Protein backbone atom coordinates (compact mmCIF):
# COMPACT_ATOMS: atom_id res chain seq x y z
CA MET A 1 -105.04 31.77 15.64
CA SER A 2 -105.76 31.32 11.93
CA LYS A 3 -103.84 28.81 9.83
CA LYS A 4 -102.48 31.63 7.66
CA ARG A 5 -100.91 33.37 10.63
CA GLU A 6 -99.50 30.08 11.90
CA LYS A 7 -97.90 29.43 8.50
CA TRP A 8 -96.45 32.95 8.57
CA ALA A 9 -94.95 32.29 11.99
CA ARG A 10 -93.45 29.00 10.80
CA PHE A 11 -92.04 30.72 7.73
CA GLY A 12 -90.51 33.22 10.14
CA MET A 13 -88.74 30.42 12.01
CA PHE A 14 -87.50 29.04 8.71
CA SER A 15 -86.19 32.48 7.70
CA LYS A 16 -84.35 32.86 11.00
CA GLY A 17 -82.76 29.46 10.42
CA PHE A 18 -81.82 30.50 6.90
CA VAL A 19 -79.97 33.56 8.22
CA TYR A 20 -77.98 31.45 10.68
CA ALA A 21 -77.27 28.79 8.07
CA ILE A 22 -75.79 31.32 5.64
CA ILE A 23 -73.73 33.01 8.37
CA GLY A 24 -72.35 29.65 9.45
CA ALA A 25 -71.71 28.40 5.93
CA LEU A 26 -69.94 31.55 4.67
CA THR A 27 -67.77 31.84 7.78
CA ALA A 28 -66.88 28.14 7.77
CA LEU A 29 -65.86 28.37 4.11
CA ALA A 30 -63.61 31.31 4.95
CA ALA A 31 -62.10 29.47 7.92
CA PHE A 32 -61.10 26.49 5.78
CA ASN A 33 -59.94 28.61 2.80
CA LEU A 34 -62.80 27.50 0.57
CA GLY A 35 -64.10 30.97 -0.25
CA GLY A 36 -66.76 32.78 1.73
CA SER A 37 -66.05 35.43 4.36
CA ARG A 38 -66.51 36.05 8.07
CA SER A 39 -70.17 37.01 8.19
CA GLY A 40 -72.89 38.53 10.31
CA ASN A 41 -76.53 39.42 9.77
CA ASN A 42 -75.81 42.32 7.41
CA SER A 43 -73.41 40.17 5.40
CA VAL A 44 -76.23 37.71 4.74
CA LEU A 45 -78.40 40.44 3.23
CA GLU A 46 -75.60 41.68 0.97
CA PHE A 47 -74.76 38.10 -0.03
CA LEU A 48 -78.37 37.45 -1.05
CA ALA A 49 -78.50 40.74 -2.96
CA ASP A 50 -75.61 39.55 -5.16
CA GLN A 51 -77.35 36.31 -6.10
CA PRO A 52 -79.59 35.75 -9.14
CA PHE A 53 -83.08 37.00 -8.25
CA GLY A 54 -81.47 38.63 -5.22
CA LYS A 55 -84.29 41.11 -4.67
CA VAL A 56 -86.85 38.31 -4.72
CA LEU A 57 -84.83 36.39 -2.15
CA LEU A 58 -84.51 39.48 0.04
CA ALA A 59 -88.23 40.20 -0.22
CA ALA A 60 -89.04 36.64 0.87
CA MET A 61 -86.51 36.99 3.68
CA ALA A 62 -88.11 40.26 4.85
CA VAL A 63 -91.58 38.68 4.88
CA GLY A 64 -90.24 35.77 6.91
CA LEU A 65 -88.40 38.00 9.39
CA PHE A 66 -91.55 40.04 9.95
CA GLY A 67 -93.38 36.75 10.46
CA TYR A 68 -90.90 35.83 13.19
CA THR A 69 -91.33 39.31 14.67
CA PHE A 70 -95.08 38.74 14.79
CA TYR A 71 -94.58 35.34 16.43
CA ARG A 72 -92.35 36.77 19.17
CA LEU A 73 -94.76 39.63 19.87
CA TYR A 74 -97.64 37.17 20.03
CA GLN A 75 -95.69 35.07 22.55
CA SER A 76 -94.94 38.15 24.61
CA PHE A 77 -98.50 39.41 24.95
CA TYR A 78 -100.67 36.33 24.43
CA GLY A 79 -98.44 33.33 25.15
CA ASP A 80 -99.22 30.95 28.00
CA GLU A 81 -95.89 31.58 29.75
CA GLU A 82 -95.75 32.92 33.29
CA ALA A 83 -97.49 36.29 33.72
CA TRP A 84 -95.73 39.64 33.40
CA SER A 85 -96.19 40.16 37.13
CA GLU A 86 -93.99 37.13 37.90
CA GLY A 87 -90.22 37.48 37.75
CA LYS A 88 -89.67 34.58 35.35
CA GLY A 89 -92.55 35.67 33.16
CA PHE A 90 -91.28 39.24 33.01
CA VAL A 91 -87.82 38.09 31.88
CA LYS A 92 -89.20 35.71 29.24
CA ARG A 93 -91.75 38.11 27.80
CA SER A 94 -89.26 40.98 27.77
CA ALA A 95 -86.80 38.74 25.92
CA TYR A 96 -89.48 37.99 23.32
CA ILE A 97 -90.00 41.71 22.73
CA ILE A 98 -86.25 42.32 22.37
CA SER A 99 -86.06 39.43 19.90
CA ALA A 100 -89.02 40.86 17.97
CA ILE A 101 -87.33 44.26 17.71
CA PHE A 102 -84.07 42.71 16.53
CA TYR A 103 -85.66 40.67 13.74
CA ALA A 104 -87.94 43.54 12.74
CA LEU A 105 -84.85 45.73 12.27
CA LEU A 106 -83.22 42.97 10.23
CA GLY A 107 -86.34 42.80 8.06
CA VAL A 108 -86.22 46.57 7.58
CA ALA A 109 -82.53 46.26 6.64
CA ALA A 110 -83.49 43.68 3.99
CA ILE A 111 -86.01 46.13 2.52
CA ARG A 112 -83.36 48.84 2.55
CA VAL A 113 -81.01 46.63 0.53
CA ILE A 114 -83.82 45.99 -1.97
CA TRP A 115 -84.52 49.72 -2.23
CA LYS A 116 -80.98 51.14 -2.21
CA GLY A 117 -78.88 48.18 -3.30
CA SER A 118 -76.76 48.08 -0.13
CA LEU A 119 -76.74 48.94 3.54
CA GLY A 120 -73.97 51.48 3.10
CA SER A 121 -70.75 51.48 5.08
CA GLY A 122 -70.18 55.12 5.89
CA GLY A 123 -70.49 56.79 9.26
CA GLU A 124 -69.88 55.59 12.78
CA SER A 125 -71.21 52.34 14.18
CA ILE A 126 -73.85 52.29 16.91
CA VAL A 127 -71.19 51.30 19.46
CA GLN A 128 -68.99 54.24 18.48
CA ILE A 129 -71.93 56.65 18.64
CA LEU A 130 -72.94 55.41 22.08
CA MET A 131 -69.39 55.64 23.43
CA SER A 132 -69.30 59.31 22.43
CA LYS A 133 -72.14 59.96 24.91
CA SER A 134 -71.73 60.28 28.66
CA TYR A 135 -74.25 57.51 29.26
CA GLY A 136 -72.83 55.27 26.51
CA PRO A 137 -70.61 52.99 28.63
CA TYR A 138 -73.45 52.33 31.07
CA LEU A 139 -75.93 51.50 28.30
CA LEU A 140 -73.42 49.23 26.56
CA GLY A 141 -72.75 47.59 29.89
CA VAL A 142 -76.43 46.75 30.22
CA VAL A 143 -76.43 45.33 26.68
CA ALA A 144 -73.33 43.29 27.50
CA LEU A 145 -74.98 41.89 30.61
CA GLY A 146 -78.01 40.95 28.53
CA LEU A 147 -75.79 39.17 25.99
CA LEU A 148 -73.95 37.36 28.75
CA GLY A 149 -77.26 36.21 30.21
CA LYS A 150 -78.35 35.09 26.76
CA GLY A 151 -75.11 33.17 26.30
CA VAL A 152 -75.50 31.37 29.62
CA PHE A 153 -79.10 30.52 28.77
CA GLN A 154 -78.05 29.08 25.39
CA PHE A 155 -75.57 26.79 27.15
CA TYR A 156 -78.27 25.78 29.62
CA LYS A 157 -80.73 24.97 26.82
CA ALA A 158 -78.12 22.84 25.07
CA ILE A 159 -76.96 20.90 28.13
CA SER A 160 -80.42 20.42 29.63
CA GLY A 161 -82.06 19.54 26.33
CA LYS A 162 -84.73 22.22 26.83
CA PHE A 163 -84.43 23.09 23.14
CA ARG A 164 -86.53 19.99 22.52
CA GLU A 165 -89.53 21.52 24.28
CA ASN A 166 -92.51 22.45 22.10
CA VAL A 167 -91.38 20.08 19.34
CA GLN A 168 -93.76 17.34 18.23
CA GLU A 169 -91.14 14.60 18.25
CA SER A 170 -93.82 11.95 17.73
CA GLY A 171 -94.14 13.29 14.19
CA LEU A 172 -90.42 12.97 13.48
CA LYS A 173 -88.80 10.09 11.70
CA SER A 174 -85.88 8.44 13.48
CA THR A 175 -83.29 10.20 11.31
CA GLU A 176 -85.05 13.56 11.72
CA LYS A 177 -85.15 13.15 15.50
CA LYS A 178 -81.43 12.37 15.69
CA LEU A 179 -80.69 15.35 13.46
CA LEU A 180 -82.88 17.63 15.57
CA ILE A 181 -81.13 16.60 18.80
CA ARG A 182 -77.60 16.83 17.44
CA ALA A 183 -78.17 20.06 15.52
CA GLY A 184 -79.92 21.63 18.52
CA TYR A 185 -77.18 20.67 20.96
CA VAL A 186 -74.33 21.89 18.74
CA GLY A 187 -76.28 24.93 17.56
CA PHE A 188 -77.17 26.24 20.99
CA ILE A 189 -73.60 25.70 22.22
CA ALA A 190 -72.34 27.78 19.26
CA ARG A 191 -74.89 30.52 19.95
CA GLY A 192 -73.81 30.54 23.58
CA ILE A 193 -70.18 31.01 22.56
CA ILE A 194 -70.97 33.87 20.18
CA SER A 195 -73.24 35.70 22.65
CA SER A 196 -70.70 35.32 25.46
CA LEU A 197 -67.86 36.60 23.27
CA LEU A 198 -69.90 39.62 22.19
CA ALA A 199 -70.63 40.36 25.84
CA TYR A 200 -66.90 40.16 26.64
CA LEU A 201 -65.99 42.44 23.73
CA LEU A 202 -68.61 45.01 24.72
CA PHE A 203 -67.39 44.97 28.32
CA LYS A 204 -63.90 45.73 27.00
CA VAL A 205 -65.26 48.68 25.01
CA CYS A 206 -66.99 49.97 28.15
CA LEU A 207 -63.63 49.83 29.93
CA GLY A 208 -61.82 51.81 27.26
CA SER A 209 -61.02 49.45 24.38
CA ARG A 210 -61.15 51.18 20.99
CA ASN A 211 -62.12 48.04 19.11
CA ASN A 212 -65.29 48.29 17.01
CA VAL A 213 -67.74 45.52 17.90
CA ASP A 214 -69.72 44.82 14.76
CA GLY A 215 -72.00 41.95 15.71
CA LYS A 216 -71.14 38.32 15.04
CA THR A 217 -68.28 39.32 12.73
CA ALA A 218 -66.38 40.74 15.71
CA ALA A 219 -66.85 37.47 17.61
CA PHE A 220 -65.52 35.50 14.64
CA ASP A 221 -62.54 37.85 14.37
CA PHE A 222 -61.80 37.26 18.06
CA LEU A 223 -61.96 33.49 17.61
CA GLN A 224 -59.66 33.52 14.61
CA ASN A 225 -57.13 35.91 16.14
CA ASN A 226 -56.94 34.14 19.50
CA PHE A 227 -57.70 30.48 18.78
CA GLY A 228 -57.11 30.05 15.06
CA ALA A 229 -59.17 29.66 11.93
CA ALA A 230 -60.06 26.03 12.70
CA ILE A 231 -61.83 26.93 15.96
CA MET A 232 -63.65 29.76 14.22
CA GLY A 233 -64.74 27.31 11.54
CA ILE A 234 -66.03 24.81 14.10
CA VAL A 235 -68.13 27.47 15.85
CA ALA A 236 -69.39 28.65 12.44
CA LEU A 237 -70.47 25.10 11.63
CA GLY A 238 -72.33 25.17 14.94
CA LEU A 239 -74.34 28.16 13.72
CA LEU A 240 -75.03 26.25 10.51
CA ALA A 241 -76.29 23.39 12.69
CA TYR A 242 -78.56 25.85 14.51
CA GLY A 243 -79.99 26.85 11.14
CA VAL A 244 -80.79 23.19 10.45
CA PHE A 245 -82.41 22.92 13.88
CA MET A 246 -84.61 25.93 13.10
CA PHE A 247 -85.70 24.34 9.80
CA LEU A 248 -86.91 21.27 11.70
CA HIS A 249 -88.37 23.43 14.46
CA ALA A 250 -90.35 25.43 11.91
CA LYS A 251 -91.90 22.24 10.60
CA HIS A 252 -92.57 20.36 13.84
CA ALA A 253 -92.93 22.99 16.59
CA THR A 254 -96.10 23.15 18.65
CA LEU A 255 -96.99 26.82 18.49
CA LYS A 256 -98.51 27.97 21.76
CA MET A 257 -100.97 30.42 20.28
């Protein structure tokens, strides 16, 4: 793979980390009454749009997100993971494609904000639209199962230390290595919590709950309403830590390409 494409992939990792860092920072500020607001992916785009040179920031973000999309697709089709024909390989490569689609859509959303000035708030959410269909509960159930699996895997990566794989730790300074380990551990735990909560909330919708599940914001709402603002703030700081981990990962990862 050419150096230019590798740099694009690394910029994609950095952009992903930037999204998580802003989500974590804004939500933590809200939790501790320091400003900010409970945030999700769309909130990040609207926050950037309101900043000086907002369109420039969004354009850079879109380029990075498409870079991460490219990286995930490359891993799926050309990575040296287990083959598609093997169970483990099928799960991993399918997960890469799902991740690629998600970040591609986020990149498109960034372009939409640049073009129209906002994402718009009218109309029904995707969850509401799906629940109006006969097959909606079943499809949401599958999504919820996927999120639950993702949550469990995030916990596993944190506890086992597998998040340190593919990182050239020999190139890290002592302080960077400590930061990588701590940020990775806390960050993956926080991601596991958010994914598991979203799975739980979607399962409730499948069973008849009328609550609207709007991404990470819904998970933060659940944390605040049931455990208090302090717990929500701690989990938000975990997502900020994951952002820091991704910054280091972008710099020191060994890209299997």
